Amino acid sequence: MSDFRINDYSDAGAYQILRGINKADSKYEDNTDTSIMDLADKKADKEENKSGITVALEDFSKTTNGFNGSNSSNIVAEDTEKDFFEKAAEFFGRGSNNIFQSEEGKELVNNSGKIYQNDLFKSDIAKNGGIKYAKSGDSVYESALNFAKADIDAIEKAYQMAAEECERNGKLQLHELHSYMEYDGNAKEALEEMNLAGSKKDITAKEYASYLIAADGMVQSADGAKFDKDAVDGLISKENAQAIKEFKNGELKEIAQNIYDENFK
């Protein structure tokens, strides 16, 4: 479960619902291990418009198979072993480059015992000072979209393992929030207010990406927090996350809607 509890969604719904924003505001120890992100960043360097946290979330979703006695999805040593089809593909030169199935990744899992989704975010924050959803030189818009897709899929995979009737449709739905946070009934209103694409029942990856970029461009001024397009740099910092909390849902929606209409519609 999350390390924060939500009780009021009348303001800052995007901060409270979207992990790519609120995780950047989390408190972690200075000595947090960055090995996961070191491995993920190495893979991401060879992939266009994907950062370390994005490929880590993607590979986590492909690898995790259960809760293994915990209340959150995780990866254990058994999950890192390749099945018959993966071994066959590898034999013919079409093997997966899943970071958790590499020798370094297996060692990380063995040493940790279990690796949770939260460990991925901790490693990213410890190494990069926030949620680094875009590498230098990549498109922040395409990178934001790829991160949003990966994060939603990781959330849906966890919920699907907990509730078999779950449909992994690439959209963040109200019931799926259960897999990573506690919330009250007001979350439904926040989802409705955050709507950019027409549906008030869920958040698409493109909507998520729009809010992510809105958060990235938040800066503090003499008049309070404001959005500066030139400040968007591919990293959601603690300062970005805290600044976005100053916005009511409707005010933030105007910024996100412009980003959505110009880049994702």
Protein backbone atom coordinates (compact mmCIF):
# COMPACT_ATOMS: atom_id res chain seq x y z
CA MET A 1 0.00 0.00 0.00
CA SER A 2 0.97 3.63 -0.31
CA ASP A 3 2.91 5.52 2.35
CA PHE A 4 0.27 8.25 2.40
CA ARG A 5 -3.44 8.34 3.13
CA ILE A 6 -5.97 10.39 1.20
CA ASN A 7 -9.14 11.83 2.70
CA ASP A 8 -10.06 14.84 0.57
CA TYR A 9 -10.07 15.08 -3.22
CA SER A 10 -11.70 18.50 -3.52
CA ASP A 11 -8.27 19.93 -4.38
CA ALA A 12 -5.10 18.55 -6.01
CA GLY A 13 -6.68 15.38 -7.34
CA ALA A 14 -3.86 14.82 -9.83
CA TYR A 15 -1.27 15.01 -7.06
CA GLN A 16 -3.14 12.49 -4.97
CA ILE A 17 -4.12 10.00 -7.67
CA LEU A 18 -1.18 9.92 -10.10
CA ARG A 19 1.91 8.11 -8.81
CA GLY A 20 4.20 9.89 -11.25
CA ILE A 21 3.46 13.05 -9.29
CA ASN A 22 2.90 12.10 -5.66
CA LYS A 23 5.81 9.65 -5.45
CA ALA A 24 8.18 12.54 -6.17
CA ASP A 25 7.06 14.09 -2.90
CA SER A 26 7.80 10.96 -0.86
CA LYS A 27 10.44 10.83 1.84
CA TYR A 28 13.15 8.20 1.51
CA GLU A 29 16.47 7.60 3.25
CA ASP A 30 19.57 9.16 1.72
CA ASN A 31 21.21 5.74 1.60
CA THR A 32 18.44 4.16 -0.52
CA ASP A 33 19.95 1.68 -2.97
CA THR A 34 19.92 2.86 -6.59
CA SER A 35 20.92 -0.47 -8.13
CA ILE A 36 17.52 -1.07 -9.72
CA MET A 37 17.57 2.28 -11.48
CA ASP A 38 21.21 1.89 -12.48
CA LEU A 39 20.22 -1.29 -14.30
CA ALA A 40 17.03 0.23 -15.74
CA ASP A 41 18.78 3.38 -16.94
CA LYS A 42 21.34 1.25 -18.78
CA LYS A 43 18.53 -0.45 -20.71
CA ALA A 44 16.65 2.82 -21.24
CA ASP A 45 19.71 4.39 -22.87
CA LYS A 46 19.05 2.09 -25.84
CA GLU A 47 15.30 2.78 -26.03
CA GLU A 48 13.80 5.89 -27.58
CA ASN A 49 11.52 8.03 -25.41
CA LYS A 50 11.73 5.73 -22.40
CA SER A 51 13.43 6.45 -19.10
CA GLY A 52 14.70 4.06 -16.46
CA ILE A 53 11.54 4.18 -14.36
CA THR A 54 9.46 3.46 -17.47
CA VAL A 55 11.37 0.33 -18.49
CA ALA A 56 11.54 -0.79 -14.84
CA LEU A 57 7.73 -0.59 -14.57
CA GLU A 58 7.33 -2.38 -17.91
CA ASP A 59 9.64 -5.22 -16.91
CA PHE A 60 8.07 -5.43 -13.46
CA SER A 61 4.64 -5.99 -15.02
CA LYS A 62 6.03 -8.73 -17.28
CA THR A 63 7.79 -10.48 -14.39
CA THR A 64 5.55 -10.30 -11.33
CA ASN A 65 3.21 -13.25 -10.83
CA GLY A 66 1.69 -12.72 -7.40
CA PHE A 67 1.77 -11.19 -3.95
CA ASN A 68 3.92 -13.91 -2.37
CA GLY A 69 2.42 -13.49 1.10
CA SER A 70 2.49 -9.68 1.02
CA ASN A 71 -0.30 -7.17 0.46
CA SER A 72 1.36 -5.70 -2.63
CA SER A 73 2.60 -7.17 -5.91
CA ASN A 74 6.28 -8.07 -5.91
CA ILE A 75 8.99 -10.06 -7.65
CA VAL A 76 10.77 -12.97 -6.00
CA ALA A 77 13.63 -15.14 -7.26
CA GLU A 78 11.26 -17.72 -8.77
CA ASP A 79 9.69 -15.05 -10.99
CA THR A 80 13.01 -14.24 -12.62
CA GLU A 81 13.45 -17.73 -14.08
CA LYS A 82 12.66 -17.92 -17.79
CA ASP A 83 9.98 -20.33 -18.93
CA PHE A 84 10.25 -22.77 -21.85
CA PHE A 85 9.09 -20.27 -24.46
CA GLU A 86 11.44 -17.55 -23.21
CA LYS A 87 14.37 -19.97 -23.28
CA ALA A 88 13.43 -21.06 -26.80
CA ALA A 89 13.24 -17.45 -27.98
CA GLU A 90 16.62 -16.80 -26.42
CA PHE A 91 18.08 -19.81 -28.22
CA PHE A 92 16.98 -18.35 -31.56
CA GLY A 93 18.34 -14.91 -30.70
CA ARG A 94 15.00 -13.36 -29.83
CA GLY A 95 15.38 -13.40 -26.08
CA SER A 96 13.93 -10.82 -23.73
CA ASN A 97 16.15 -8.15 -22.21
CA ASN A 98 13.99 -7.91 -19.10
CA ILE A 99 16.17 -6.30 -16.43
CA PHE A 100 14.88 -8.64 -13.73
CA GLN A 101 15.87 -11.71 -15.75
CA SER A 102 19.42 -10.51 -16.34
CA GLU A 103 22.20 -11.82 -14.11
CA GLU A 104 22.43 -8.45 -12.34
CA GLY A 105 18.66 -8.33 -11.93
CA LYS A 106 18.47 -11.83 -10.51
CA GLU A 107 21.16 -10.94 -8.00
CA LEU A 108 19.22 -7.85 -6.95
CA VAL A 109 16.08 -9.90 -6.41
CA ASN A 110 17.96 -12.59 -4.51
CA ASN A 111 19.62 -10.04 -2.25
CA SER A 112 16.37 -8.15 -1.63
CA GLY A 113 14.13 -11.18 -1.19
CA LYS A 114 11.27 -9.27 -2.75
CA ILE A 115 11.14 -6.21 -5.00
CA TYR A 116 7.99 -4.09 -4.94
CA GLN A 117 6.76 -1.39 -7.30
CA ASN A 118 7.51 1.11 -4.56
CA ASP A 119 11.16 0.03 -4.64
CA LEU A 120 11.36 1.16 -8.26
CA PHE A 121 10.15 4.64 -7.37
CA LYS A 122 12.46 4.84 -4.35
CA SER A 123 15.45 3.94 -6.50
CA ASP A 124 14.53 6.55 -9.12
CA ILE A 125 14.08 9.31 -6.55
CA ALA A 126 17.31 8.42 -4.76
CA LYS A 127 19.30 8.47 -8.01
CA ASN A 128 17.62 11.29 -9.96
CA GLY A 129 16.05 13.50 -7.31
CA GLY A 130 12.51 12.76 -8.45
CA ILE A 131 10.55 10.80 -11.01
CA LYS A 132 12.64 11.00 -14.18
CA TYR A 133 10.16 10.13 -16.91
CA ALA A 134 12.23 11.45 -19.85
CA LYS A 135 15.91 11.22 -20.77
CA SER A 136 17.89 14.16 -22.13
CA GLY A 137 17.28 14.47 -25.87
CA ASP A 138 14.02 12.50 -25.85
CA SER A 139 10.58 13.96 -26.50
CA VAL A 140 9.05 14.82 -23.13
CA TYR A 141 5.58 14.28 -24.59
CA GLU A 142 6.26 10.81 -25.99
CA SER A 143 8.23 9.92 -22.86
CA ALA A 144 5.43 11.10 -20.58
CA LEU A 145 2.98 8.98 -22.56
CA ASN A 146 5.22 5.91 -22.35
CA PHE A 147 5.64 6.39 -18.61
CA ALA A 148 1.87 6.80 -18.14
CA LYS A 149 1.20 3.61 -20.10
CA ALA A 150 3.77 1.68 -18.05
CA ASP A 151 2.50 2.98 -14.72
CA ILE A 152 -1.15 2.27 -15.52
CA ASP A 153 -0.27 -1.23 -16.73
CA ALA A 154 1.70 -1.95 -13.54
CA ILE A 155 -1.25 -0.78 -11.44
CA GLU A 156 -3.69 -2.84 -13.49
CA LYS A 157 -1.50 -5.95 -13.36
CA ALA A 158 -1.44 -5.77 -9.56
CA TYR A 159 -5.19 -5.29 -9.36
CA GLN A 160 -5.81 -8.10 -11.84
CA MET A 161 -3.83 -10.50 -9.65
CA ALA A 162 -5.95 -9.46 -6.68
CA ALA A 163 -9.26 -9.48 -8.56
CA GLU A 164 -9.50 -11.78 -11.56
CA GLU A 165 -12.46 -9.94 -13.06
CA CYS A 166 -10.28 -6.90 -13.71
CA GLU A 167 -9.92 -5.88 -17.34
CA ARG A 168 -6.51 -4.46 -18.24
CA ASN A 169 -7.69 -1.78 -20.65
CA GLY A 170 -4.88 0.76 -20.27
CA LYS A 171 -7.04 3.21 -18.37
CA LEU A 172 -6.81 4.11 -14.69
CA GLN A 173 -10.18 3.36 -13.11
CA LEU A 174 -11.58 4.12 -9.68
CA HIS A 175 -11.54 0.54 -8.38
CA GLU A 176 -7.88 0.11 -9.41
CA LEU A 177 -6.79 2.80 -6.97
CA HIS A 178 -7.21 0.12 -4.30
CA SER A 179 -4.01 -1.54 -5.47
CA TYR A 180 -1.74 1.29 -4.39
CA MET A 181 -3.56 3.77 -2.16
CA GLU A 182 -6.35 4.24 0.32
CA TYR A 183 -9.13 6.59 -0.65
CA ASP A 184 -12.66 7.64 0.21
CA GLY A 185 -15.68 8.21 -2.02
CA ASN A 186 -14.53 11.67 -3.10
CA ALA A 187 -11.98 10.08 -5.42
CA LYS A 188 -14.83 9.50 -7.87
CA GLU A 189 -15.43 13.26 -8.05
CA ALA A 190 -11.72 13.90 -8.63
CA LEU A 191 -11.65 11.48 -11.57
CA GLU A 192 -14.67 13.25 -13.06
CA GLU A 193 -13.10 16.69 -12.60
CA MET A 194 -9.80 15.56 -14.12
CA ASN A 195 -11.48 14.40 -17.34
CA LEU A 196 -9.82 15.75 -20.50
CA ALA A 197 -10.95 13.27 -23.16
CA GLY A 198 -14.67 12.85 -22.55
CA SER A 199 -14.98 9.95 -20.12
CA LYS A 200 -15.52 10.77 -16.46
CA LYS A 201 -15.00 7.20 -15.30
CA ASP A 202 -11.29 6.75 -15.95
CA ILE A 203 -7.99 8.40 -16.86
CA THR A 204 -6.32 7.45 -20.14
CA ALA A 205 -2.56 7.37 -20.60
CA LYS A 206 -2.76 10.55 -22.67
CA GLU A 207 -4.64 12.34 -19.89
CA TYR A 208 -2.13 11.06 -17.32
CA ALA A 209 0.74 12.30 -19.51
CA SER A 210 -0.87 15.73 -19.79
CA TYR A 211 -1.07 16.11 -16.02
CA LEU A 212 2.47 14.79 -15.67
CA ILE A 213 3.81 17.51 -17.97
CA ALA A 214 1.68 20.09 -16.18
CA ALA A 215 3.35 19.07 -12.92
CA ASP A 216 6.80 19.13 -14.52
CA GLY A 217 6.34 22.75 -15.59
CA MET A 218 5.28 24.01 -12.17
CA VAL A 219 7.47 26.76 -10.75
CA GLN A 220 7.12 29.02 -7.74
CA SER A 221 6.75 32.76 -8.30
CA ALA A 222 6.01 35.79 -6.15
CA ASP A 223 2.31 35.12 -6.82
CA GLY A 224 2.50 31.43 -6.03
CA ALA A 225 2.86 28.37 -8.22
CA LYS A 226 2.39 28.72 -11.97
CA PHE A 227 2.97 26.66 -15.12
CA ASP A 228 5.99 27.51 -17.26
CA LYS A 229 6.29 25.49 -20.48
CA ASP A 230 10.01 26.26 -20.65
CA ALA A 231 10.55 24.64 -17.24
CA VAL A 232 9.48 21.19 -18.47
CA ASP A 233 12.62 19.03 -18.29
CA GLY A 234 11.47 15.41 -17.94
CA LEU A 235 11.84 15.25 -14.15
CA ILE A 236 9.07 15.55 -11.56
CA SER A 237 10.93 16.97 -8.56
CA LYS A 238 9.73 17.31 -5.00
CA GLU A 239 9.29 21.03 -5.67
CA ASN A 240 7.14 20.28 -8.74
CA ALA A 241 4.94 17.91 -6.77
CA GLN A 242 4.49 20.34 -3.90
CA ALA A 243 3.71 23.24 -6.25
CA ILE A 244 0.93 21.31 -7.96
CA LYS A 245 -0.80 20.85 -4.61
CA GLU A 246 -1.62 24.56 -4.66
CA PHE A 247 -3.99 24.09 -7.60
CA LYS A 248 -7.64 23.20 -7.34
CA ASN A 249 -8.79 20.51 -9.74
CA GLY A 250 -10.52 22.94 -12.08
CA GLU A 251 -7.55 25.32 -12.30
CA LEU A 252 -5.11 22.53 -13.02
CA LYS A 253 -7.45 21.00 -15.58
CA GLU A 254 -7.20 24.13 -17.74
CA ILE A 255 -3.42 23.73 -17.94
CA ALA A 256 -3.60 19.98 -18.58
CA GLN A 257 -6.35 20.44 -21.16
CA ASN A 258 -4.19 22.79 -23.22
CA ILE A 259 -1.31 20.29 -23.09
CA TYR A 260 -3.66 17.47 -24.08
CA ASP A 261 -5.25 19.39 -26.96
CA GLU A 262 -1.90 20.51 -28.37
CA ASN A 263 -0.01 17.23 -28.06
CA PHE A 264 -2.27 14.21 -27.52
CA LYS A 265 -5.70 14.84 -29.02
